[in-house]
Amino acid sequence: MTQSTDLGAEDRKIITLARSARARNGVAEGAAVRDETGRTYVAGTVELDSLKLSALRTAVAMAVASGATSLEAAAVVTTAEAAAAEDRAAVCDLGGPATPVLVAGPDGVLRTTVTAG
């Protein structure tokens, strides 16, 4: 995993969207991903009796279902210190191992940036 604190306007945007999804839905995590065309997909944690998905895996699934073929970046807003390995694997599957995964706290402050692979 590579760490960085560089944050551009587009990356700040996906953190803001992820934070909004978390707050709006009252869920444990919010996430957003940006595809190869700049479109964003925003999701919250899914907790059903028959289906449990992290916010980041849900956002990746939404991107795939909408026809995205690659990811430029991903963001997750969480109380956890790091992105789960399963979440990074989902980002890697669509975006490749160098895709940045931004991890921010509930306050929207970036904690770390890691690569998906």
PDB file of N, CA and C in Angstrom:
ATOM      1  N   MET A   1       0.835  -1.179   0.000  1.00  0.00           N
ATOM      2  CA  MET A   1       0.000   0.000   0.000  1.00  0.00           C
ATOM      3  C   MET A   1       0.879   1.241   0.000  1.00  0.00           C
ATOM      4  N   THR A   2       0.574   2.182  -0.864  1.00  0.00           N
ATOM      5  CA  THR A   2       1.294   3.441  -0.942  1.00  0.00           C
ATOM      6  C   THR A   2       0.477   4.504  -0.223  1.00  0.00           C
ATOM      7  N   GLN A   3       1.129   5.340   0.565  1.00  0.00           N
ATOM      8  CA  GLN A   3       0.432   6.400   1.275  1.00  0.00           C
ATOM      9  C   GLN A   3       0.768   7.758   0.687  1.00  0.00           C
ATOM     10  N   SER A   4      -0.221   8.658   0.729  1.00  0.00           N
ATOM     11  CA  SER A   4      -0.043  10.004   0.221  1.00  0.00           C
ATOM     12  C   SER A   4      -1.047  10.924   0.893  1.00  0.00           C
ATOM     13  N   THR A   5      -0.750  12.198   0.943  1.00  0.00           N
ATOM     14  CA  THR A   5      -1.710  13.172   1.466  1.00  0.00           C
ATOM     15  C   THR A   5      -2.108  14.186   0.399  1.00  0.00           C
ATOM     16  N   ASP A   6      -1.675  13.999  -0.850  1.00  0.00           N
ATOM     17  CA  ASP A   6      -2.057  14.895  -1.942  1.00  0.00           C
ATOM     18  C   ASP A   6      -3.550  14.783  -2.191  1.00  0.00           C
ATOM     19  N   LEU A   7      -4.221  15.936  -2.347  1.00  0.00           N
ATOM     20  CA  LEU A   7      -5.666  15.921  -2.536  1.00  0.00           C
ATOM     21  C   LEU A   7      -6.081  17.054  -3.465  1.00  0.00           C
ATOM     22  N   GLY A   8      -6.542  16.687  -4.661  1.00  0.00           N
ATOM     23  CA  GLY A   8      -7.025  17.665  -5.628  1.00  0.00           C
ATOM     24  C   GLY A   8      -8.514  17.905  -5.475  1.00  0.00           C
ATOM     25  N   ALA A   9      -9.034  18.824  -6.275  1.00  0.00           N
ATOM     26  CA  ALA A   9     -10.451  19.194  -6.191  1.00  0.00           C
ATOM     27  C   ALA A   9     -11.378  18.021  -6.466  1.00  0.00           C
ATOM     28  N   GLU A  10     -11.059  17.197  -7.453  1.00  0.00           N
ATOM     29  CA  GLU A  10     -11.919  16.050  -7.782  1.00  0.00           C
ATOM     30  C   GLU A  10     -11.920  15.014  -6.669  1.00  0.00           C
ATOM     31  N   ASP A  11     -10.785  14.855  -6.003  1.00  0.00           N
ATOM     32  CA  ASP A  11     -10.721  13.919  -4.883  1.00  0.00           C
ATOM     33  C   ASP A  11     -11.473  14.462  -3.668  1.00  0.00           C
ATOM     34  N   ARG A  12     -11.371  15.758  -3.432  1.00  0.00           N
ATOM     35  CA  ARG A  12     -12.157  16.372  -2.344  1.00  0.00           C
ATOM     36  C   ARG A  12     -13.646  16.170  -2.606  1.00  0.00           C
ATOM     37  N   LYS A  13     -14.031  16.254  -3.879  1.00  0.00           N
ATOM     38  CA  LYS A  13     -15.441  16.088  -4.244  1.00  0.00           C
ATOM     39  C   LYS A  13     -15.943  14.694  -3.890  1.00  0.00           C
ATOM     40  N   ILE A  14     -15.173  13.644  -4.194  1.00  0.00           N
ATOM     41  CA  ILE A  14     -15.690  12.309  -3.897  1.00  0.00           C
ATOM     42  C   ILE A  14     -15.697  12.044  -2.387  1.00  0.00           C
ATOM     43  N   ILE A  15     -14.796  12.662  -1.641  1.00  0.00           N
ATOM     44  CA  ILE A  15     -14.871  12.535  -0.179  1.00  0.00           C
ATOM     45  C   ILE A  15     -16.129  13.218   0.334  1.00  0.00           C
ATOM     46  N   THR A  16     -16.437  14.394  -0.187  1.00  0.00           N
ATOM     47  CA  THR A  16     -17.643  15.116   0.226  1.00  0.00           C
ATOM     48  C   THR A  16     -18.898  14.309  -0.099  1.00  0.00           C
ATOM     49  N   LEU A  17     -18.943  13.716  -1.295  1.00  0.00           N
ATOM     50  CA  LEU A  17     -20.093  12.895  -1.671  1.00  0.00           C
ATOM     51  C   LEU A  17     -20.225  11.669  -0.773  1.00  0.00           C
ATOM     52  N   ALA A  18     -19.106  11.032  -0.457  1.00  0.00           N
ATOM     53  CA  ALA A  18     -19.127   9.861   0.428  1.00  0.00           C
ATOM     54  C   ALA A  18     -19.602  10.255   1.823  1.00  0.00           C
ATOM     55  N   ARG A  19     -19.118  11.371   2.307  1.00  0.00           N
ATOM     56  CA  ARG A  19     -19.529  11.844   3.630  1.00  0.00           C
ATOM     57  C   ARG A  19     -21.023  12.149   3.661  1.00  0.00           C
ATOM     58  N   SER A  20     -21.526  12.755   2.594  1.00  0.00           N
ATOM     59  CA  SER A  20     -22.955  13.075   2.510  1.00  0.00           C
ATOM     60  C   SER A  20     -23.808  11.814   2.510  1.00  0.00           C
ATOM     61  N   ALA A  21     -23.380  10.792   1.770  1.00  0.00           N
ATOM     62  CA  ALA A  21     -24.133   9.534   1.720  1.00  0.00           C
ATOM     63  C   ALA A  21     -24.196   8.890   3.101  1.00  0.00           C
ATOM     64  N   ARG A  22     -23.083   8.909   3.811  1.00  0.00           N
ATOM     65  CA  ARG A  22     -23.032   8.335   5.162  1.00  0.00           C
ATOM     66  C   ARG A  22     -24.005   9.058   6.089  1.00  0.00           C
ATOM     67  N   ALA A  23     -23.961  10.382   6.074  1.00  0.00           N
ATOM     68  CA  ALA A  23     -24.813  11.176   6.957  1.00  0.00           C
ATOM     69  C   ALA A  23     -26.288  11.073   6.566  1.00  0.00           C
ATOM     70  N   ARG A  24     -26.572  11.188   5.280  1.00  0.00           N
ATOM     71  CA  ARG A  24     -27.952  11.172   4.792  1.00  0.00           C
ATOM     72  C   ARG A  24     -28.654   9.855   5.115  1.00  0.00           C
ATOM     73  N   ASN A  25     -27.914   8.750   4.994  1.00  0.00           N
ATOM     74  CA  ASN A  25     -28.512   7.438   5.183  1.00  0.00           C
ATOM     75  C   ASN A  25     -28.318   6.885   6.595  1.00  0.00           C
ATOM     76  N   GLY A  26     -27.547   7.579   7.417  1.00  0.00           N
ATOM     77  CA  GLY A  26     -27.318   7.130   8.776  1.00  0.00           C
ATOM     78  C   GLY A  26     -26.669   5.754   8.852  1.00  0.00           C
ATOM     79  N   VAL A  27     -25.692   5.523   7.959  1.00  0.00           N
ATOM     80  CA  VAL A  27     -25.025   4.218   7.887  1.00  0.00           C
ATOM     81  C   VAL A  27     -23.579   4.326   8.362  1.00  0.00           C
ATOM     82  N   ALA A  28     -22.955   3.174   8.550  1.00  0.00           N
ATOM     83  CA  ALA A  28     -21.597   3.125   9.088  1.00  0.00           C
ATOM     84  C   ALA A  28     -20.568   3.772   8.166  1.00  0.00           C
ATOM     85  N   GLU A  29     -20.744   3.599   6.865  1.00  0.00           N
ATOM     86  CA  GLU A  29     -19.778   4.127   5.898  1.00  0.00           C
ATOM     87  C   GLU A  29     -20.493   4.756   4.710  1.00  0.00           C
ATOM     88  N   GLY A  30     -19.819   5.709   4.100  1.00  0.00           N
ATOM     89  CA  GLY A  30     -20.234   6.261   2.818  1.00  0.00           C
ATOM     90  C   GLY A  30     -19.057   6.140   1.874  1.00  0.00           C
ATOM     91  N   ALA A  31     -19.335   5.955   0.601  1.00  0.00           N
ATOM     92  CA  ALA A  31     -18.247   5.813  -0.375  1.00  0.00           C
ATOM     93  C   ALA A  31     -18.652   6.440  -1.696  1.00  0.00           C
ATOM     94  N   ALA A  32     -17.641   6.774  -2.476  1.00  0.00           N
ATOM     95  CA  ALA A  32     -17.857   7.275  -3.825  1.00  0.00           C
ATOM     96  C   ALA A  32     -16.684   6.825  -4.682  1.00  0.00           C
ATOM     97  N   VAL A  33     -16.982   6.511  -5.933  1.00  0.00           N
ATOM     98  CA  VAL A  33     -15.938   6.172  -6.896  1.00  0.00           C
ATOM     99  C   VAL A  33     -16.124   7.041  -8.132  1.00  0.00           C
ATOM    100  N   ARG A  34     -15.014   7.330  -8.812  1.00  0.00           N
ATOM    101  CA  ARG A  34     -15.028   8.115 -10.050  1.00  0.00           C
ATOM    102  C   ARG A  34     -14.532   7.220 -11.168  1.00  0.00           C
ATOM    103  N   ASP A  35     -15.325   7.119 -12.241  1.00  0.00           N
ATOM    104  CA  ASP A  35     -14.936   6.231 -13.337  1.00  0.00           C
ATOM    105  C   ASP A  35     -14.073   6.948 -14.366  1.00  0.00           C
ATOM    106  N   GLU A  36     -13.746   6.233 -15.429  1.00  0.00           N
ATOM    107  CA  GLU A  36     -12.827   6.733 -16.452  1.00  0.00           C
ATOM    108  C   GLU A  36     -13.364   7.940 -17.217  1.00  0.00           C
ATOM    109  N   THR A  37     -14.665   8.191 -17.129  1.00  0.00           N
ATOM    110  CA  THR A  37     -15.245   9.343 -17.816  1.00  0.00           C
ATOM    111  C   THR A  37     -15.526  10.501 -16.868  1.00  0.00           C
ATOM    112  N   GLY A  38     -15.206  10.306 -15.585  1.00  0.00           N
ATOM    113  CA  GLY A  38     -15.447  11.346 -14.597  1.00  0.00           C
ATOM    114  C   GLY A  38     -16.773  11.226 -13.873  1.00  0.00           C
ATOM    115  N   ARG A  39     -17.594  10.246 -14.253  1.00  0.00           N
ATOM    116  CA  ARG A  39     -18.866  10.037 -13.549  1.00  0.00           C
ATOM    117  C   ARG A  39     -18.575   9.495 -12.156  1.00  0.00           C
ATOM    118  N   THR A  40     -19.443   9.880 -11.206  1.00  0.00           N
ATOM    119  CA  THR A  40     -19.281   9.394  -9.841  1.00  0.00           C
ATOM    120  C   THR A  40     -20.463   8.528  -9.446  1.00  0.00           C
ATOM    121  N   TYR A  41     -20.172   7.568  -8.576  1.00  0.00           N
ATOM    122  CA  TYR A  41     -21.170   6.653  -8.048  1.00  0.00           C
ATOM    123  C   TYR A  41     -21.023   6.694  -6.537  1.00  0.00           C
ATOM    124  N   VAL A  42     -22.129   6.943  -5.848  1.00  0.00           N
ATOM    125  CA  VAL A  42     -22.105   7.160  -4.408  1.00  0.00           C
ATOM    126  C   VAL A  42     -22.982   6.111  -3.738  1.00  0.00           C
ATOM    127  N   ALA A  43     -22.510   5.586  -2.614  1.00  0.00           N
ATOM    128  CA  ALA A  43     -23.271   4.548  -1.918  1.00  0.00           C
ATOM    129  C   ALA A  43     -22.988   4.585  -0.428  1.00  0.00           C
ATOM    130  N   GLY A  44     -23.888   3.965   0.307  1.00  0.00           N
ATOM    131  CA  GLY A  44     -23.705   3.751   1.731  1.00  0.00           C
ATOM    132  C   GLY A  44     -23.649   2.263   2.013  1.00  0.00           C
ATOM    133  N   THR A  45     -23.338   1.930   3.241  1.00  0.00           N
ATOM    134  CA  THR A  45     -23.311   0.545   3.675  1.00  0.00           C
ATOM    135  C   THR A  45     -24.683  -0.086   3.461  1.00  0.00           C
ATOM    136  N   VAL A  46     -24.716  -1.329   2.975  1.00  0.00           N
ATOM    137  CA  VAL A  46     -25.963  -2.081   2.807  1.00  0.00           C
ATOM    138  C   VAL A  46     -26.014  -3.144   3.894  1.00  0.00           C
ATOM    139  N   GLU A  47     -27.045  -3.096   4.718  1.00  0.00           N
ATOM    140  CA  GLU A  47     -27.199  -4.059   5.813  1.00  0.00           C
ATOM    141  C   GLU A  47     -28.611  -4.625   5.792  1.00  0.00           C
ATOM    142  N   LEU A  48     -28.821  -5.645   4.974  1.00  0.00           N
ATOM    143  CA  LEU A  48     -30.084  -6.365   4.928  1.00  0.00           C
ATOM    144  C   LEU A  48     -29.866  -7.738   5.541  1.00  0.00           C
ATOM    145  N   ASP A  49     -30.949  -8.404   5.894  1.00  0.00           N
ATOM    146  CA  ASP A  49     -30.801  -9.755   6.424  1.00  0.00           C
ATOM    147  C   ASP A  49     -30.090 -10.663   5.425  1.00  0.00           C
ATOM    148  N   SER A  50     -30.404 -10.504   4.151  1.00  0.00           N
ATOM    149  CA  SER A  50     -29.860 -11.406   3.132  1.00  0.00           C
ATOM    150  C   SER A  50     -28.678 -10.828   2.351  1.00  0.00           C
ATOM    151  N   LEU A  51     -28.301  -9.576   2.596  1.00  0.00           N
ATOM    152  CA  LEU A  51     -27.237  -8.942   1.827  1.00  0.00           C
ATOM    153  C   LEU A  51     -26.514  -7.908   2.677  1.00  0.00           C
ATOM    154  N   LYS A  52     -25.226  -8.080   2.809  1.00  0.00           N
ATOM    155  CA  LYS A  52     -24.394  -7.122   3.548  1.00  0.00           C
ATOM    156  C   LYS A  52     -23.218  -6.734   2.658  1.00  0.00           C
ATOM    157  N   LEU A  53     -23.127  -5.442   2.354  1.00  0.00           N
ATOM    158  CA  LEU A  53     -22.048  -4.917   1.522  1.00  0.00           C
ATOM    159  C   LEU A  53     -21.501  -3.640   2.136  1.00  0.00           C
ATOM    160  N   SER A  54     -20.205  -3.504   2.078  1.00  0.00           N
ATOM    161  CA  SER A  54     -19.614  -2.235   2.509  1.00  0.00           C
ATOM    162  C   SER A  54     -20.013  -1.147   1.515  1.00  0.00           C
ATOM    163  N   ALA A  55     -19.874   0.082   1.942  1.00  0.00           N
ATOM    164  CA  ALA A  55     -20.202   1.204   1.068  1.00  0.00           C
ATOM    165  C   ALA A  55     -19.323   1.207  -0.179  1.00  0.00           C
ATOM    166  N   LEU A  56     -18.041   0.921  -0.025  1.00  0.00           N
ATOM    167  CA  LEU A  56     -17.137   0.961  -1.172  1.00  0.00           C
ATOM    168  C   LEU A  56     -17.443  -0.147  -2.174  1.00  0.00           C
ATOM    169  N   ARG A  57     -17.717  -1.356  -1.698  1.00  0.00           N
ATOM    170  CA  ARG A  57     -18.076  -2.429  -2.631  1.00  0.00           C
ATOM    171  C   ARG A  57     -19.399  -2.128  -3.331  1.00  0.00           C
ATOM    172  N   THR A  58     -20.322  -1.481  -2.618  1.00  0.00           N
ATOM    173  CA  THR A  58     -21.592  -1.097  -3.235  1.00  0.00           C
ATOM    174  C   THR A  58     -21.370  -0.054  -4.320  1.00  0.00           C
ATOM    175  N   ALA A  59     -20.514   0.929  -4.066  1.00  0.00           N
ATOM    176  CA  ALA A  59     -20.221   1.959  -5.072  1.00  0.00           C
ATOM    177  C   ALA A  59     -19.548   1.352  -6.299  1.00  0.00           C
ATOM    178  N   VAL A  60     -18.628   0.414  -6.093  1.00  0.00           N
ATOM    179  CA  VAL A  60     -17.984  -0.266  -7.221  1.00  0.00           C
ATOM    180  C   VAL A  60     -19.023  -1.046  -8.010  1.00  0.00           C
ATOM    181  N   ALA A  61     -19.911  -1.752  -7.327  1.00  0.00           N
ATOM    182  CA  ALA A  61     -20.960  -2.514  -8.011  1.00  0.00           C
ATOM    183  C   ALA A  61     -21.867  -1.595  -8.827  1.00  0.00           C
ATOM    184  N   MET A  62     -22.191  -0.429  -8.285  1.00  0.00           N
ATOM    185  CA  MET A  62     -23.016   0.535  -9.023  1.00  0.00           C
ATOM    186  C   MET A  62     -22.302   1.006 -10.288  1.00  0.00           C
ATOM    187  N   ALA A  63     -21.001   1.247 -10.182  1.00  0.00           N
ATOM    188  CA  ALA A  63     -20.232   1.672 -11.348  1.00  0.00           C
ATOM    189  C   ALA A  63     -20.234   0.587 -12.419  1.00  0.00           C
ATOM    190  N   VAL A  64     -19.993  -0.649 -12.016  1.00  0.00           N
ATOM    191  CA  VAL A  64     -19.992  -1.769 -12.971  1.00  0.00           C
ATOM    192  C   VAL A  64     -21.368  -1.918 -13.614  1.00  0.00           C
ATOM    193  N   ALA A  65     -22.422  -1.858 -12.806  1.00  0.00           N
ATOM    194  CA  ALA A  65     -23.781  -2.013 -13.320  1.00  0.00           C
ATOM    195  C   ALA A  65     -24.162  -0.891 -14.280  1.00  0.00           C
ATOM    196  N   SER A  66     -23.483   0.251 -14.160  1.00  0.00           N
ATOM    197  CA  SER A  66     -23.759   1.390 -15.043  1.00  0.00           C
ATOM    198  C   SER A  66     -22.854   1.425 -16.261  1.00  0.00           C
ATOM    199  N   GLY A  67     -21.982   0.417 -16.416  1.00  0.00           N
ATOM    200  CA  GLY A  67     -21.152   0.332 -17.608  1.00  0.00           C
ATOM    201  C   GLY A  67     -19.743   0.872 -17.481  1.00  0.00           C
ATOM    202  N   ALA A  68     -19.326   1.253 -16.296  1.00  0.00           N
ATOM    203  CA  ALA A  68     -17.948   1.743 -16.131  1.00  0.00           C
ATOM    204  C   ALA A  68     -16.973   0.617 -16.445  1.00  0.00           C
ATOM    205  N   THR A  69     -15.882   0.966 -17.089  1.00  0.00           N
ATOM    206  CA  THR A  69     -14.869  -0.036 -17.423  1.00  0.00           C
ATOM    207  C   THR A  69     -13.580   0.160 -16.650  1.00  0.00           C
ATOM    208  N   SER A  70     -13.473   1.265 -15.905  1.00  0.00           N
ATOM    209  CA  SER A  70     -12.273   1.545 -15.121  1.00  0.00           C
ATOM    210  C   SER A  70     -12.618   2.577 -14.056  1.00  0.00           C
ATOM    211  N   LEU A  71     -11.783   2.668 -13.044  1.00  0.00           N
ATOM    212  CA  LEU A  71     -11.939   3.682 -12.006  1.00  0.00           C
ATOM    213  C   LEU A  71     -10.700   4.557 -11.956  1.00  0.00           C
ATOM    214  N   GLU A  72     -10.927   5.855 -11.734  1.00  0.00           N
ATOM    215  CA  GLU A  72      -9.815   6.788 -11.525  1.00  0.00           C
ATOM    216  C   GLU A  72      -9.472   6.901 -10.048  1.00  0.00           C
ATOM    217  N   ALA A  73     -10.485   6.831  -9.181  1.00  0.00           N
ATOM    218  CA  ALA A  73     -10.259   6.989  -7.741  1.00  0.00           C
ATOM    219  C   ALA A  73     -11.474   6.498  -6.979  1.00  0.00           C
ATOM    220  N   ALA A  74     -11.237   6.223  -5.697  1.00  0.00           N
ATOM    221  CA  ALA A  74     -12.307   5.798  -4.793  1.00  0.00           C
ATOM    222  C   ALA A  74     -12.105   6.496  -3.457  1.00  0.00           C
ATOM    223  N   ALA A  75     -13.202   6.715  -2.735  1.00  0.00           N
ATOM    224  CA  ALA A  75     -13.118   7.315  -1.404  1.00  0.00           C
ATOM    225  C   ALA A  75     -14.096   6.612  -0.479  1.00  0.00           C
ATOM    226  N   VAL A  76     -13.694   6.463   0.764  1.00  0.00           N
ATOM    227  CA  VAL A  76     -14.578   5.906   1.782  1.00  0.00           C
ATOM    228  C   VAL A  76     -14.474   6.771   3.025  1.00  0.00           C
ATOM    229  N   VAL A  77     -15.628   7.080   3.604  1.00  0.00           N
ATOM    230  CA  VAL A  77     -15.699   7.813   4.862  1.00  0.00           C
ATOM    231  C   VAL A  77     -16.143   6.813   5.910  1.00  0.00           C
ATOM    232  N   THR A  78     -15.310   6.644   6.927  1.00  0.00           N
ATOM    233  CA  THR A  78     -15.500   5.564   7.882  1.00  0.00           C
ATOM    234  C   THR A  78     -14.872   5.904   9.218  1.00  0.00           C
ATOM    235  N   THR A  79     -15.291   5.200  10.254  1.00  0.00           N
ATOM    236  CA  THR A  79     -14.619   5.324  11.547  1.00  0.00           C
ATOM    237  C   THR A  79     -13.415   4.392  11.620  1.00  0.00           C
ATOM    238  N   ALA A  80     -13.317   3.447  10.698  1.00  0.00           N
ATOM    239  CA  ALA A  80     -12.177   2.530  10.660  1.00  0.00           C
ATOM    240  C   ALA A  80     -10.912   3.298  10.293  1.00  0.00           C
ATOM    241  N   GLU A  81      -9.785   2.773  10.696  1.00  0.00           N
ATOM    242  CA  GLU A  81      -8.513   3.427  10.409  1.00  0.00           C
ATOM    243  C   GLU A  81      -8.045   3.231   8.974  1.00  0.00           C
ATOM    244  N   ALA A  82      -8.539   2.180   8.315  1.00  0.00           N
ATOM    245  CA  ALA A  82      -8.057   1.866   6.968  1.00  0.00           C
ATOM    246  C   ALA A  82      -9.186   1.260   6.144  1.00  0.00           C
ATOM    247  N   ALA A  83      -9.006   1.246   4.842  1.00  0.00           N
ATOM    248  CA  ALA A  83      -9.948   0.569   3.952  1.00  0.00           C
ATOM    249  C   ALA A  83      -9.731  -0.931   4.077  1.00  0.00           C
ATOM    250  N   ALA A  84     -10.812  -1.672   4.166  1.00  0.00           N
ATOM    251  CA  ALA A  84     -10.730  -3.129   4.292  1.00  0.00           C
ATOM    252  C   ALA A  84     -10.101  -3.736   3.035  1.00  0.00           C
ATOM    253  N   ALA A  85      -9.413  -4.836   3.224  1.00  0.00           N
ATOM    254  CA  ALA A  85      -8.767  -5.531   2.098  1.00  0.00           C
ATOM    255  C   ALA A  85      -9.779  -5.898   1.021  1.00  0.00           C
ATOM    256  N   GLU A  86     -10.977  -6.328   1.414  1.00  0.00           N
ATOM    257  CA  GLU A  86     -12.013  -6.696   0.443  1.00  0.00           C
ATOM    258  C   GLU A  86     -12.457  -5.490  -0.375  1.00  0.00           C
ATOM    259  N   ASP A  87     -12.501  -4.324   0.262  1.00  0.00           N
ATOM    260  CA  ASP A  87     -12.883  -3.098  -0.446  1.00  0.00           C
ATOM    261  C   ASP A  87     -11.809  -2.707  -1.454  1.00  0.00           C
ATOM    262  N   ARG A  88     -10.553  -2.753  -1.028  1.00  0.00           N
ATOM    263  CA  ARG A  88      -9.456  -2.432  -1.953  1.00  0.00           C
ATOM    264  C   ARG A  88      -9.423  -3.426  -3.109  1.00  0.00           C
ATOM    265  N   ALA A  89      -9.736  -4.688  -2.847  1.00  0.00           N
ATOM    266  CA  ALA A  89      -9.754  -5.698  -3.909  1.00  0.00           C
ATOM    267  C   ALA A  89     -10.826  -5.378  -4.949  1.00  0.00           C
ATOM    268  N   ALA A  90     -11.999  -4.925  -4.512  1.00  0.00           N
ATOM    269  CA  ALA A  90     -13.061  -4.569  -5.453  1.00  0.00           C
ATOM    270  C   ALA A  90     -12.641  -3.394  -6.324  1.00  0.00           C
ATOM    271  N   VAL A  91     -12.010  -2.390  -5.705  1.00  0.00           N
ATOM    272  CA  VAL A  91     -11.505  -1.243  -6.466  1.00  0.00           C
ATOM    273  C   VAL A  91     -10.437  -1.706  -7.453  1.00  0.00           C
ATOM    274  N   CYS A  92      -9.563  -2.579  -7.011  1.00  0.00           N
ATOM    275  CA  CYS A  92      -8.488  -3.103  -7.867  1.00  0.00           C
ATOM    276  C   CYS A  92      -9.054  -3.873  -9.052  1.00  0.00           C
ATOM    277  N   ASP A  93     -10.104  -4.658  -8.829  1.00  0.00           N
ATOM    278  CA  ASP A  93     -10.718  -5.437  -9.906  1.00  0.00           C
ATOM    279  C   ASP A  93     -11.167  -4.551 -11.066  1.00  0.00           C
ATOM    280  N   LEU A  94     -11.698  -3.380 -10.754  1.00  0.00           N
ATOM    281  CA  LEU A  94     -12.202  -2.494 -11.804  1.00  0.00           C
ATOM    282  C   LEU A  94     -11.174  -1.443 -12.219  1.00  0.00           C
ATOM    283  N   GLY A  95     -10.408  -0.936 -11.274  1.00  0.00           N
ATOM    284  CA  GLY A  95      -9.505   0.166 -11.584  1.00  0.00           C
ATOM    285  C   GLY A  95      -8.049  -0.200 -11.742  1.00  0.00           C
ATOM    286  N   GLY A  96      -7.667  -1.358 -11.225  1.00  0.00           N
ATOM    287  CA  GLY A  96      -6.266  -1.749 -11.270  1.00  0.00           C
ATOM    288  C   GLY A  96      -5.574  -1.446  -9.956  1.00  0.00           C
ATOM    289  N   PRO A  97      -4.390  -2.021  -9.750  1.00  0.00           N
ATOM    290  CA  PRO A  97      -3.706  -1.911  -8.461  1.00  0.00           C
ATOM    291  C   PRO A  97      -3.229  -0.508  -8.096  1.00  0.00           C
ATOM    292  N   ALA A  98      -3.068   0.377  -9.060  1.00  0.00           N
ATOM    293  CA  ALA A  98      -2.584   1.726  -8.760  1.00  0.00           C
ATOM    294  C   ALA A  98      -3.710   2.712  -8.443  1.00  0.00           C
ATOM    295  N   THR A  99      -4.965   2.283  -8.508  1.00  0.00           N
ATOM    296  CA  THR A  99      -6.091   3.179  -8.242  1.00  0.00           C
ATOM    297  C   THR A  99      -6.033   3.675  -6.799  1.00  0.00           C
ATOM    298  N   PRO A 100      -6.057   4.990  -6.592  1.00  0.00           N
ATOM    299  CA  PRO A 100      -6.013   5.501  -5.228  1.00  0.00           C
ATOM    300  C   PRO A 100      -7.334   5.292  -4.492  1.00  0.00           C
ATOM    301  N   VAL A 101      -7.222   4.900  -3.223  1.00  0.00           N
ATOM    302  CA  VAL A 101      -8.368   4.765  -2.333  1.00  0.00           C
ATOM    303  C   VAL A 101      -8.153   5.763  -1.198  1.00  0.00           C
ATOM    304  N   LEU A 102      -8.999   6.773  -1.151  1.00  0.00           N
ATOM    305  CA  LEU A 102      -8.917   7.817  -0.138  1.00  0.00           C
ATOM    306  C   LEU A 102      -9.725   7.379   1.079  1.00  0.00           C
ATOM    307  N   VAL A 103      -9.126   7.422   2.247  1.00  0.00           N
ATOM    308  CA  VAL A 103      -9.810   7.033   3.482  1.00  0.00           C
ATOM    309  C   VAL A 103      -9.925   8.272   4.361  1.00  0.00           C
ATOM    310  N   ALA A 104     -11.169   8.661   4.653  1.00  0.00           N
ATOM    311  CA  ALA A 104     -11.422   9.854   5.458  1.00  0.00           C
ATOM    312  C   ALA A 104     -12.265   9.488   6.668  1.00  0.00           C
ATOM    313  N   GLY A 105     -12.147  10.294   7.698  1.00  0.00           N
ATOM    314  CA  GLY A 105     -12.962  10.114   8.894  1.00  0.00           C
ATOM    315  C   GLY A 105     -14.340  10.724   8.696  1.00  0.00           C
ATOM    316  N   PRO A 106     -15.249  10.508   9.641  1.00  0.00           N
ATOM    317  CA  PRO A 106     -16.601  11.067   9.546  1.00  0.00           C
ATOM    318  C   PRO A 106     -16.629  12.591   9.411  1.00  0.00           C
ATOM    319  N   ASP A 107     -15.559  13.251   9.839  1.00  0.00           N
ATOM    320  CA  ASP A 107     -15.475  14.710   9.698  1.00  0.00           C
ATOM    321  C   ASP A 107     -15.042  15.135   8.298  1.00  0.00           C
ATOM    322  N   GLY A 108     -14.756  14.145   7.434  1.00  0.00           N
ATOM    323  CA  GLY A 108     -14.339  14.440   6.061  1.00  0.00           C
ATOM    324  C   GLY A 108     -12.868  14.701   5.911  1.00  0.00           C
ATOM    325  N   VAL A 109     -12.108  14.628   6.987  1.00  0.00           N
ATOM    326  CA  VAL A 109     -10.668  14.862   6.926  1.00  0.00           C
ATOM    327  C   VAL A 109      -9.967  13.601   6.423  1.00  0.00           C
ATOM    328  N   LEU A 110      -9.153  13.776   5.387  1.00  0.00           N
ATOM    329  CA  LEU A 110      -8.420  12.660   4.822  1.00  0.00           C
ATOM    330  C   LEU A 110      -7.443  12.090   5.847  1.00  0.00           C
ATOM    331  N   ARG A 111      -7.518  10.796   6.048  1.00  0.00           N
ATOM    332  CA  ARG A 111      -6.577  10.110   6.947  1.00  0.00           C
ATOM    333  C   ARG A 111      -5.382   9.585   6.158  1.00  0.00           C
ATOM    334  N   THR A 112      -5.689   8.955   5.025  1.00  0.00           N
ATOM    335  CA  THR A 112      -4.635   8.370   4.220  1.00  0.00           C
ATOM    336  C   THR A 112      -5.147   8.096   2.820  1.00  0.00           C
ATOM    337  N   THR A 113      -4.221   7.968   1.901  1.00  0.00           N
ATOM    338  CA  THR A 113      -4.512   7.495   0.554  1.00  0.00           C
ATOM    339  C   THR A 113      -3.652   6.262   0.326  1.00  0.00           C
ATOM    340  N   VAL A 114      -4.302   5.182  -0.051  1.00  0.00           N
ATOM    341  CA  VAL A 114      -3.587   3.939  -0.338  1.00  0.00           C
ATOM    342  C   VAL A 114      -3.921   3.515  -1.759  1.00  0.00           C
ATOM    343  N   THR A 115      -3.096   2.666  -2.324  1.00  0.00           N
ATOM    344  CA  THR A 115      -3.432   2.115  -3.634  1.00  0.00           C
ATOM    345  C   THR A 115      -4.293   0.877  -3.436  1.00  0.00           C
ATOM    346  N   ALA A 116      -5.083   0.568  -4.451  1.00  0.00           N
ATOM    347  CA  ALA A 116      -6.014  -0.560  -4.364  1.00  0.00           C
ATOM    348  C   ALA A 116      -5.287  -1.893  -4.263  1.00  0.00           C
ATOM    349  N   GLY A 117      -4.130  -1.999  -4.914  1.00  0.00           N
ATOM    350  CA  GLY A 117      -3.436  -3.293  -4.950  1.00  0.00           C
ATOM    351  C   GLY A 117      -2.272  -3.390  -4.019  1.00  0.00           C
TER     352      GLY A 117
END
